[in-house]
Amino acid sequence: MLKIKTSTAPPLKFLFAHPAHFFACGCGSGLSPFAPGTAGTLFAWLTFPLFGLLPSVAVTYAALALLFAFGIAACHVTGRHLGVVDHGSIVWDEIVPFWIVLMFVPTGYSITALSWQLLAFLLFRFFDIVKPFPASWFDTQVKNGFGVMMDDAIAAGYSVFVFLLAKQLWGNL
């Protein structure tokens, strides 16, 4: 088992040592030496259009639920192998919840859509970093893959709430 500091990214070979590592580390985005959580969230933003290939919104939500459940296991295994439950390089917990946030955000590449997407990104990063209750409770008290995924899921919930409130107040930018 590889024991490294929370702030140190594992070597590239770790990414390919186990399938859980590859996904938990965000297909490599979590190995970023600078702000891996932000890198993982950017990865989510860039890959979200792939969900448009799915046949319906219902199938998309089902896929997200499965990816979230898979993330619980992948983050747990990877955290155990790194020796740190919520190691900084584990970013699947940012990726899936941000994909869920993006389900509520206008899609496309217009200035309006990109502005709303940027707001959603900033809100999610804010709530992920600040961890308002109960996210902070999951972060500090639930030391397994479920806790790792849940604190970010709660940050996503706060983000969606504030985003929808902003959209209600400001409409289209």
N, C-alpha and C. Protein backbone atom coordinates (compact mmCIF):
# COMPACT_ATOMS: atom_id res chain seq x y z
N MET A 1 0.85 -1.18 0.00
CA MET A 1 0.00 0.00 0.00
C MET A 1 0.89 1.24 0.00
N LEU A 2 0.55 2.19 -0.84
CA LEU A 2 1.31 3.44 -0.98
C LEU A 2 0.82 4.44 0.06
N LYS A 3 1.70 4.90 0.93
CA LYS A 3 1.36 5.91 1.93
C LYS A 3 2.04 7.21 1.55
N ILE A 4 1.25 8.22 1.23
CA ILE A 4 1.82 9.52 0.87
C ILE A 4 1.04 10.62 1.56
N LYS A 5 1.60 11.81 1.56
CA LYS A 5 0.93 12.95 2.19
C LYS A 5 -0.32 13.33 1.41
N THR A 6 -1.27 13.93 2.12
CA THR A 6 -2.52 14.36 1.50
C THR A 6 -2.27 15.35 0.37
N SER A 7 -1.25 16.18 0.51
CA SER A 7 -1.00 17.23 -0.48
C SER A 7 -0.12 16.77 -1.63
N THR A 8 0.38 15.54 -1.59
CA THR A 8 1.27 15.05 -2.63
C THR A 8 0.50 14.15 -3.58
N ALA A 9 0.58 14.45 -4.87
CA ALA A 9 -0.10 13.63 -5.86
C ALA A 9 0.65 12.30 -6.00
N PRO A 10 -0.08 11.20 -6.15
CA PRO A 10 0.60 9.92 -6.37
C PRO A 10 1.25 9.91 -7.75
N PRO A 11 2.18 8.99 -7.97
CA PRO A 11 2.81 8.91 -9.29
C PRO A 11 1.83 8.43 -10.35
N LEU A 12 2.14 8.72 -11.59
CA LEU A 12 1.27 8.35 -12.71
C LEU A 12 0.99 6.85 -12.72
N LYS A 13 1.96 6.03 -12.35
CA LYS A 13 1.74 4.58 -12.37
C LYS A 13 0.62 4.16 -11.40
N PHE A 14 0.40 4.94 -10.35
CA PHE A 14 -0.69 4.65 -9.41
C PHE A 14 -2.03 4.71 -10.12
N LEU A 15 -2.17 5.63 -11.05
CA LEU A 15 -3.42 5.83 -11.78
C LEU A 15 -3.85 4.54 -12.50
N PHE A 16 -2.87 3.80 -12.99
CA PHE A 16 -3.16 2.60 -13.79
C PHE A 16 -2.98 1.30 -13.00
N ALA A 17 -2.70 1.40 -11.71
CA ALA A 17 -2.48 0.21 -10.89
C ALA A 17 -3.79 -0.52 -10.55
N HIS A 18 -4.90 0.19 -10.63
CA HIS A 18 -6.21 -0.40 -10.30
C HIS A 18 -7.27 0.45 -11.01
N PRO A 19 -8.30 -0.17 -11.58
CA PRO A 19 -9.34 0.63 -12.26
C PRO A 19 -9.98 1.68 -11.35
N ALA A 20 -10.14 1.37 -10.06
CA ALA A 20 -10.72 2.35 -9.14
C ALA A 20 -9.87 3.60 -9.05
N HIS A 21 -8.55 3.44 -9.10
CA HIS A 21 -7.65 4.60 -9.02
C HIS A 21 -7.87 5.52 -10.22
N PHE A 22 -8.00 4.93 -11.41
CA PHE A 22 -8.16 5.72 -12.63
C PHE A 22 -9.39 6.61 -12.52
N PHE A 23 -10.50 6.04 -12.08
CA PHE A 23 -11.73 6.82 -11.99
C PHE A 23 -11.73 7.74 -10.79
N ALA A 24 -11.33 7.24 -9.62
CA ALA A 24 -11.33 8.08 -8.42
C ALA A 24 -10.44 9.30 -8.62
N CYS A 25 -9.37 9.14 -9.36
CA CYS A 25 -8.45 10.26 -9.64
C CYS A 25 -8.86 11.02 -10.90
N GLY A 26 -10.11 10.88 -11.28
CA GLY A 26 -10.68 11.69 -12.37
C GLY A 26 -10.00 11.52 -13.70
N CYS A 27 -9.66 10.27 -14.06
CA CYS A 27 -9.01 9.98 -15.34
C CYS A 27 -7.70 10.76 -15.48
N GLY A 28 -7.09 11.07 -14.36
CA GLY A 28 -5.81 11.79 -14.34
C GLY A 28 -5.92 13.23 -13.90
N SER A 29 -7.12 13.81 -13.94
CA SER A 29 -7.26 15.23 -13.57
C SER A 29 -6.90 15.47 -12.11
N GLY A 30 -7.07 14.47 -11.26
CA GLY A 30 -6.74 14.61 -9.85
C GLY A 30 -5.26 14.62 -9.56
N LEU A 31 -4.45 14.31 -10.56
CA LEU A 31 -2.99 14.34 -10.37
C LEU A 31 -2.42 15.73 -10.60
N SER A 32 -3.28 16.70 -10.88
CA SER A 32 -2.83 18.07 -11.07
C SER A 32 -2.06 18.53 -9.83
N PRO A 33 -0.88 19.13 -10.03
CA PRO A 33 -0.11 19.60 -8.87
C PRO A 33 -0.72 20.86 -8.24
N PHE A 34 -1.62 21.50 -8.95
CA PHE A 34 -2.26 22.72 -8.45
C PHE A 34 -3.76 22.53 -8.45
N ALA A 35 -4.40 22.67 -7.30
CA ALA A 35 -5.86 22.64 -7.14
C ALA A 35 -6.50 21.45 -7.86
N PRO A 36 -6.19 20.22 -7.42
CA PRO A 36 -6.76 19.06 -8.11
C PRO A 36 -8.29 19.02 -8.07
N GLY A 37 -8.91 19.51 -7.01
CA GLY A 37 -10.37 19.54 -6.96
C GLY A 37 -10.96 20.43 -8.04
N THR A 38 -10.31 21.55 -8.27
CA THR A 38 -10.74 22.45 -9.35
C THR A 38 -10.48 21.81 -10.70
N ALA A 39 -9.34 21.11 -10.84
CA ALA A 39 -9.03 20.41 -12.10
C ALA A 39 -10.09 19.33 -12.36
N GLY A 40 -10.49 18.61 -11.32
CA GLY A 40 -11.54 17.61 -11.48
C GLY A 40 -12.87 18.22 -11.88
N THR A 41 -13.19 19.35 -11.30
CA THR A 41 -14.44 20.03 -11.64
C THR A 41 -14.40 20.54 -13.09
N LEU A 42 -13.25 21.04 -13.52
CA LEU A 42 -13.08 21.45 -14.92
C LEU A 42 -13.23 20.25 -15.85
N PHE A 43 -12.66 19.12 -15.45
CA PHE A 43 -12.82 17.89 -16.23
C PHE A 43 -14.31 17.56 -16.38
N ALA A 44 -15.05 17.69 -15.29
CA ALA A 44 -16.50 17.42 -15.34
C ALA A 44 -17.19 18.36 -16.32
N TRP A 45 -16.84 19.63 -16.25
CA TRP A 45 -17.45 20.63 -17.14
C TRP A 45 -17.16 20.28 -18.60
N LEU A 46 -15.92 19.92 -18.88
CA LEU A 46 -15.53 19.62 -20.26
C LEU A 46 -16.15 18.34 -20.79
N THR A 47 -16.39 17.36 -19.92
CA THR A 47 -16.92 16.08 -20.37
C THR A 47 -18.44 15.99 -20.29
N PHE A 48 -19.07 16.93 -19.65
CA PHE A 48 -20.53 16.89 -19.50
C PHE A 48 -21.28 16.77 -20.83
N PRO A 49 -20.84 17.42 -21.91
CA PRO A 49 -21.58 17.27 -23.18
C PRO A 49 -21.72 15.82 -23.64
N LEU A 50 -20.89 14.91 -23.17
CA LEU A 50 -21.02 13.50 -23.55
C LEU A 50 -22.35 12.91 -23.08
N PHE A 51 -22.93 13.45 -22.02
CA PHE A 51 -24.22 12.97 -21.55
C PHE A 51 -25.32 13.26 -22.58
N GLY A 52 -25.08 14.21 -23.47
CA GLY A 52 -26.04 14.49 -24.55
C GLY A 52 -26.19 13.33 -25.51
N LEU A 53 -25.26 12.38 -25.48
CA LEU A 53 -25.35 11.20 -26.34
C LEU A 53 -26.34 10.17 -25.81
N LEU A 54 -26.74 10.32 -24.56
CA LEU A 54 -27.69 9.38 -23.97
C LEU A 54 -29.09 9.67 -24.49
N PRO A 55 -29.94 8.65 -24.57
CA PRO A 55 -31.24 8.82 -25.24
C PRO A 55 -32.28 9.67 -24.53
N SER A 56 -32.14 9.86 -23.22
CA SER A 56 -33.17 10.65 -22.52
C SER A 56 -32.61 11.20 -21.22
N VAL A 57 -33.33 12.15 -20.65
CA VAL A 57 -32.95 12.71 -19.36
C VAL A 57 -33.04 11.64 -18.28
N ALA A 58 -34.04 10.77 -18.37
CA ALA A 58 -34.20 9.70 -17.38
C ALA A 58 -32.99 8.77 -17.39
N VAL A 59 -32.52 8.43 -18.57
CA VAL A 59 -31.33 7.57 -18.69
C VAL A 59 -30.10 8.30 -18.14
N THR A 60 -30.03 9.60 -18.38
CA THR A 60 -28.91 10.40 -17.86
C THR A 60 -28.91 10.38 -16.34
N TYR A 61 -30.06 10.60 -15.72
CA TYR A 61 -30.13 10.56 -14.26
C TYR A 61 -29.79 9.17 -13.71
N ALA A 62 -30.24 8.13 -14.40
CA ALA A 62 -29.91 6.77 -13.98
C ALA A 62 -28.40 6.54 -14.07
N ALA A 63 -27.80 7.02 -15.16
CA ALA A 63 -26.34 6.89 -15.33
C ALA A 63 -25.61 7.63 -14.22
N LEU A 64 -26.08 8.83 -13.89
CA LEU A 64 -25.44 9.61 -12.82
C LEU A 64 -25.57 8.90 -11.47
N ALA A 65 -26.71 8.30 -11.22
CA ALA A 65 -26.89 7.55 -9.97
C ALA A 65 -25.92 6.37 -9.91
N LEU A 66 -25.77 5.66 -11.01
CA LEU A 66 -24.82 4.54 -11.05
C LEU A 66 -23.38 5.02 -10.90
N LEU A 67 -23.04 6.13 -11.55
CA LEU A 67 -21.69 6.68 -11.43
C LEU A 67 -21.41 7.17 -10.01
N PHE A 68 -22.44 7.67 -9.34
CA PHE A 68 -22.28 8.08 -7.94
C PHE A 68 -22.03 6.85 -7.07
N ALA A 69 -22.83 5.80 -7.24
CA ALA A 69 -22.65 4.57 -6.46
C ALA A 69 -21.28 3.96 -6.74
N PHE A 70 -20.90 3.91 -8.01
CA PHE A 70 -19.58 3.42 -8.37
C PHE A 70 -18.50 4.26 -7.69
N GLY A 71 -18.71 5.57 -7.62
CA GLY A 71 -17.75 6.47 -7.00
C GLY A 71 -17.53 6.19 -5.53
N ILE A 72 -18.58 5.77 -4.83
CA ILE A 72 -18.43 5.42 -3.42
C ILE A 72 -17.38 4.32 -3.28
N ALA A 73 -17.51 3.29 -4.10
CA ALA A 73 -16.56 2.17 -4.04
C ALA A 73 -15.18 2.58 -4.53
N ALA A 74 -15.10 3.28 -5.65
CA ALA A 74 -13.81 3.67 -6.22
C ALA A 74 -13.04 4.60 -5.28
N CYS A 75 -13.74 5.56 -4.68
CA CYS A 75 -13.08 6.48 -3.74
C CYS A 75 -12.63 5.76 -2.48
N HIS A 76 -13.43 4.81 -2.03
CA HIS A 76 -13.07 4.04 -0.84
C HIS A 76 -11.80 3.23 -1.09
N VAL A 77 -11.77 2.50 -2.19
CA VAL A 77 -10.60 1.67 -2.53
C VAL A 77 -9.36 2.55 -2.71
N THR A 78 -9.51 3.62 -3.45
CA THR A 78 -8.37 4.49 -3.73
C THR A 78 -7.86 5.16 -2.46
N GLY A 79 -8.76 5.65 -1.63
CA GLY A 79 -8.35 6.24 -0.36
C GLY A 79 -7.62 5.25 0.52
N ARG A 80 -8.12 4.02 0.56
CA ARG A 80 -7.46 2.98 1.34
C ARG A 80 -6.05 2.69 0.80
N HIS A 81 -5.93 2.63 -0.52
CA HIS A 81 -4.63 2.34 -1.12
C HIS A 81 -3.65 3.51 -0.95
N LEU A 82 -4.17 4.73 -0.88
CA LEU A 82 -3.30 5.90 -0.66
C LEU A 82 -2.99 6.11 0.82
N GLY A 83 -3.80 5.49 1.68
CA GLY A 83 -3.60 5.67 3.11
C GLY A 83 -4.23 6.94 3.65
N VAL A 84 -5.03 7.62 2.83
CA VAL A 84 -5.74 8.84 3.22
C VAL A 84 -7.14 8.74 2.64
N VAL A 85 -8.16 8.74 3.50
CA VAL A 85 -9.54 8.51 3.06
C VAL A 85 -9.95 9.46 1.94
N ASP A 86 -9.73 10.74 2.14
CA ASP A 86 -10.15 11.75 1.15
C ASP A 86 -8.91 12.48 0.64
N HIS A 87 -8.04 11.72 0.00
CA HIS A 87 -6.80 12.28 -0.53
C HIS A 87 -7.12 13.34 -1.59
N GLY A 88 -6.30 14.35 -1.67
CA GLY A 88 -6.52 15.45 -2.61
C GLY A 88 -6.62 15.03 -4.07
N SER A 89 -5.97 13.93 -4.43
CA SER A 89 -6.02 13.48 -5.82
C SER A 89 -7.31 12.75 -6.16
N ILE A 90 -8.10 12.41 -5.16
CA ILE A 90 -9.40 11.77 -5.40
C ILE A 90 -10.39 12.88 -5.77
N VAL A 91 -10.81 12.89 -7.02
CA VAL A 91 -11.68 13.98 -7.50
C VAL A 91 -12.98 13.47 -8.13
N TRP A 92 -13.21 12.16 -8.12
CA TRP A 92 -14.48 11.64 -8.64
C TRP A 92 -15.64 12.24 -7.85
N ASP A 93 -15.36 12.58 -6.58
CA ASP A 93 -16.38 13.19 -5.72
C ASP A 93 -16.69 14.62 -6.15
N GLU A 94 -15.83 15.26 -6.91
CA GLU A 94 -16.15 16.56 -7.52
C GLU A 94 -16.84 16.35 -8.86
N ILE A 95 -16.41 15.36 -9.61
CA ILE A 95 -16.86 15.17 -10.99
C ILE A 95 -18.35 14.82 -11.05
N VAL A 96 -18.76 13.76 -10.40
CA VAL A 96 -20.16 13.32 -10.50
C VAL A 96 -21.12 14.37 -9.94
N PRO A 97 -20.87 14.91 -8.74
CA PRO A 97 -21.80 15.95 -8.27
C PRO A 97 -21.86 17.19 -9.18
N PHE A 98 -20.73 17.56 -9.79
CA PHE A 98 -20.81 18.72 -10.69
C PHE A 98 -21.57 18.37 -11.96
N TRP A 99 -21.46 17.14 -12.43
CA TRP A 99 -22.30 16.72 -13.56
C TRP A 99 -23.78 16.89 -13.18
N ILE A 100 -24.12 16.54 -11.95
CA ILE A 100 -25.51 16.69 -11.49
C ILE A 100 -25.91 18.17 -11.48
N VAL A 101 -25.02 19.03 -11.00
CA VAL A 101 -25.29 20.48 -11.02
C VAL A 101 -25.56 20.94 -12.45
N LEU A 102 -24.74 20.47 -13.38
CA LEU A 102 -24.88 20.90 -14.77
C LEU A 102 -26.19 20.46 -15.41
N MET A 103 -26.87 19.48 -14.81
CA MET A 103 -28.18 19.08 -15.32
C MET A 103 -29.20 20.21 -15.18
N PHE A 104 -28.93 21.17 -14.31
CA PHE A 104 -29.86 22.28 -14.04
C PHE A 104 -29.45 23.57 -14.76
N VAL A 105 -28.38 23.51 -15.54
CA VAL A 105 -27.77 24.69 -16.13
C VAL A 105 -27.99 24.68 -17.64
N PRO A 106 -28.23 25.85 -18.24
CA PRO A 106 -28.36 25.88 -19.70
C PRO A 106 -27.11 25.30 -20.38
N THR A 107 -27.35 24.53 -21.42
CA THR A 107 -26.24 23.92 -22.16
C THR A 107 -25.91 24.76 -23.38
N GLY A 108 -24.83 24.42 -24.02
CA GLY A 108 -24.43 25.10 -25.24
C GLY A 108 -23.25 26.01 -25.02
N TYR A 109 -22.92 26.74 -26.06
CA TYR A 109 -21.71 27.56 -26.06
C TYR A 109 -21.99 29.04 -26.30
N SER A 110 -23.24 29.45 -26.10
CA SER A 110 -23.54 30.88 -26.21
C SER A 110 -22.98 31.59 -24.98
N ILE A 111 -22.84 32.90 -25.07
CA ILE A 111 -22.34 33.68 -23.93
C ILE A 111 -23.27 33.48 -22.73
N THR A 112 -24.57 33.46 -22.97
CA THR A 112 -25.53 33.28 -21.88
C THR A 112 -25.33 31.93 -21.20
N ALA A 113 -25.30 30.86 -22.00
CA ALA A 113 -25.14 29.51 -21.43
C ALA A 113 -23.81 29.38 -20.70
N LEU A 114 -22.74 29.87 -21.31
CA LEU A 114 -21.42 29.79 -20.67
C LEU A 114 -21.36 30.61 -19.39
N SER A 115 -22.07 31.73 -19.36
CA SER A 115 -22.12 32.55 -18.14
C SER A 115 -22.79 31.79 -17.00
N TRP A 116 -23.92 31.14 -17.31
CA TRP A 116 -24.60 30.35 -16.29
C TRP A 116 -23.75 29.16 -15.85
N GLN A 117 -23.07 28.53 -16.80
CA GLN A 117 -22.19 27.41 -16.47
C GLN A 117 -21.04 27.87 -15.56
N LEU A 118 -20.49 29.03 -15.85
CA LEU A 118 -19.41 29.57 -15.01
C LEU A 118 -19.93 29.86 -13.61
N LEU A 119 -21.11 30.43 -13.51
CA LEU A 119 -21.70 30.69 -12.19
C LEU A 119 -21.87 29.37 -11.43
N ALA A 120 -22.37 28.34 -12.10
CA ALA A 120 -22.55 27.03 -11.46
C ALA A 120 -21.20 26.47 -11.00
N PHE A 121 -20.18 26.62 -11.83
CA PHE A 121 -18.84 26.17 -11.48
C PHE A 121 -18.34 26.88 -10.22
N LEU A 122 -18.46 28.19 -10.19
CA LEU A 122 -17.99 28.97 -9.04
C LEU A 122 -18.78 28.65 -7.77
N LEU A 123 -20.09 28.48 -7.91
CA LEU A 123 -20.90 28.11 -6.76
C LEU A 123 -20.48 26.74 -6.21
N PHE A 124 -20.31 25.79 -7.11
CA PHE A 124 -19.93 24.45 -6.67
C PHE A 124 -18.56 24.46 -5.98
N ARG A 125 -17.60 25.15 -6.57
CA ARG A 125 -16.28 25.20 -5.94
C ARG A 125 -16.36 25.88 -4.58
N PHE A 126 -17.15 26.95 -4.47
CA PHE A 126 -17.31 27.64 -3.19
C PHE A 126 -17.88 26.69 -2.13
N PHE A 127 -18.99 26.03 -2.44
CA PHE A 127 -19.62 25.16 -1.46
C PHE A 127 -18.77 23.91 -1.18
N ASP A 128 -18.01 23.46 -2.16
CA ASP A 128 -17.13 22.32 -1.94
C ASP A 128 -15.99 22.69 -0.99
N ILE A 129 -15.50 23.89 -1.10
CA ILE A 129 -14.40 24.35 -0.23
C ILE A 129 -14.91 24.71 1.16
N VAL A 130 -16.00 25.46 1.24
CA VAL A 130 -16.54 25.93 2.52
C VAL A 130 -17.19 24.79 3.32
N LYS A 131 -17.83 23.87 2.63
CA LYS A 131 -18.50 22.72 3.23
C LYS A 131 -19.49 23.09 4.34
N PRO A 132 -20.56 23.80 3.98
CA PRO A 132 -21.58 24.11 5.00
C PRO A 132 -22.26 22.82 5.48
N PHE A 133 -22.76 22.87 6.71
CA PHE A 133 -23.43 21.71 7.29
C PHE A 133 -24.57 21.27 6.37
N PRO A 134 -24.79 20.01 6.17
CA PRO A 134 -24.15 18.84 6.75
C PRO A 134 -22.94 18.33 5.97
N ALA A 135 -22.49 19.03 4.94
CA ALA A 135 -21.30 18.58 4.19
C ALA A 135 -20.11 18.45 5.12
N SER A 136 -19.93 19.41 6.03
CA SER A 136 -18.80 19.37 6.96
C SER A 136 -18.87 18.14 7.87
N TRP A 137 -20.08 17.74 8.24
CA TRP A 137 -20.23 16.56 9.08
C TRP A 137 -19.77 15.31 8.33
N PHE A 138 -20.22 15.15 7.08
CA PHE A 138 -19.79 13.99 6.28
C PHE A 138 -18.28 14.02 6.07
N ASP A 139 -17.73 15.21 5.85
CA ASP A 139 -16.29 15.35 5.61
C ASP A 139 -15.47 14.93 6.83
N THR A 140 -15.93 15.27 8.02
CA THR A 140 -15.14 15.00 9.22
C THR A 140 -15.52 13.71 9.94
N GLN A 141 -16.75 13.24 9.77
CA GLN A 141 -17.22 12.10 10.56
C GLN A 141 -17.38 10.79 9.81
N VAL A 142 -17.56 10.84 8.50
CA VAL A 142 -17.80 9.61 7.74
C VAL A 142 -16.56 9.33 6.90
N LYS A 143 -15.71 8.49 7.43
CA LYS A 143 -14.38 8.26 6.85
C LYS A 143 -14.38 7.02 5.95
N ASN A 144 -15.10 7.13 4.86
CA ASN A 144 -15.13 6.06 3.85
C ASN A 144 -15.57 6.68 2.52
N GLY A 145 -15.72 5.85 1.51
CA GLY A 145 -16.11 6.35 0.19
C GLY A 145 -17.45 7.07 0.19
N PHE A 146 -18.39 6.61 1.02
CA PHE A 146 -19.69 7.28 1.11
C PHE A 146 -19.52 8.71 1.62
N GLY A 147 -18.74 8.90 2.66
CA GLY A 147 -18.49 10.24 3.19
C GLY A 147 -17.80 11.14 2.19
N VAL A 148 -16.84 10.56 1.45
CA VAL A 148 -16.11 11.33 0.44
C VAL A 148 -17.08 11.85 -0.63
N MET A 149 -17.98 10.98 -1.10
CA MET A 149 -18.92 11.38 -2.14
C MET A 149 -20.02 12.30 -1.60
N MET A 150 -20.48 12.05 -0.38
CA MET A 150 -21.63 12.80 0.14
C MET A 150 -21.33 14.26 0.42
N ASP A 151 -20.13 14.58 0.92
CA ASP A 151 -19.90 16.00 1.20
C ASP A 151 -19.97 16.83 -0.08
N ASP A 152 -19.53 16.25 -1.19
CA ASP A 152 -19.61 16.98 -2.46
C ASP A 152 -21.03 16.95 -3.04
N ALA A 153 -21.76 15.88 -2.77
CA ALA A 153 -23.17 15.83 -3.21
C ALA A 153 -23.96 16.93 -2.51
N ILE A 154 -23.67 17.16 -1.25
CA ILE A 154 -24.35 18.23 -0.51
C ILE A 154 -23.93 19.59 -1.05
N ALA A 155 -22.64 19.74 -1.36
CA ALA A 155 -22.19 20.99 -2.00
C ALA A 155 -22.92 21.20 -3.32
N ALA A 156 -23.16 20.13 -4.04
CA ALA A 156 -23.92 20.23 -5.30
C ALA A 156 -25.35 20.68 -5.02
N GLY A 157 -25.95 20.15 -3.97
CA GLY A 157 -27.31 20.56 -3.61
C GLY A 157 -27.40 22.04 -3.28
N TYR A 158 -26.45 22.53 -2.49
CA TYR A 158 -26.40 23.97 -2.20
C TYR A 158 -26.20 24.77 -3.48
N SER A 159 -25.35 24.28 -4.36
CA SER A 159 -25.06 24.98 -5.62
C SER A 159 -26.31 25.08 -6.48
N VAL A 160 -27.03 23.97 -6.61
CA VAL A 160 -28.26 23.96 -7.41
C VAL A 160 -29.28 24.92 -6.81
N PHE A 161 -29.43 24.90 -5.49
CA PHE A 161 -30.39 25.79 -4.84
C PHE A 161 -30.06 27.25 -5.13
N VAL A 162 -28.82 27.66 -4.92
CA VAL A 162 -28.43 29.06 -5.15
C VAL A 162 -28.50 29.39 -6.63
N PHE A 163 -28.10 28.45 -7.48
CA PHE A 163 -28.16 28.68 -8.92
C PHE A 163 -29.60 28.92 -9.36
N LEU A 164 -30.52 28.07 -8.93
CA LEU A 164 -31.92 28.24 -9.33
C LEU A 164 -32.51 29.53 -8.77
N LEU A 165 -32.10 29.91 -7.57
CA LEU A 165 -32.53 31.18 -7.00
C LEU A 165 -32.01 32.34 -7.86
N ALA A 166 -30.73 32.30 -8.23
CA ALA A 166 -30.15 33.35 -9.09
C ALA A 166 -30.85 33.40 -10.44
N LYS A 167 -31.14 32.24 -11.00
CA LYS A 167 -31.81 32.20 -12.29
C LYS A 167 -33.23 32.78 -12.19
N GLN A 168 -33.88 32.53 -11.06
CA GLN A 168 -35.22 33.08 -10.83
C GLN A 168 -35.16 34.62 -10.72
N LEU A 169 -34.14 35.10 -10.03
CA LEU A 169 -34.00 36.54 -9.82
C LEU A 169 -33.54 37.29 -11.08
N TRP A 170 -32.60 36.69 -11.80
CA TRP A 170 -32.00 37.41 -12.93
C TRP A 170 -32.45 36.92 -14.29
N GLY A 171 -33.13 35.77 -14.35
CA GLY A 171 -33.54 35.25 -15.66
C GLY A 171 -32.35 35.03 -16.53
N ASN A 172 -32.49 35.31 -17.80
CA ASN A 172 -31.36 35.17 -18.72
C ASN A 172 -30.46 36.40 -18.61
N LEU A 173 -29.20 36.14 -18.46
CA LEU A 173 -28.23 37.25 -18.34
C LEU A 173 -28.18 38.10 -19.59
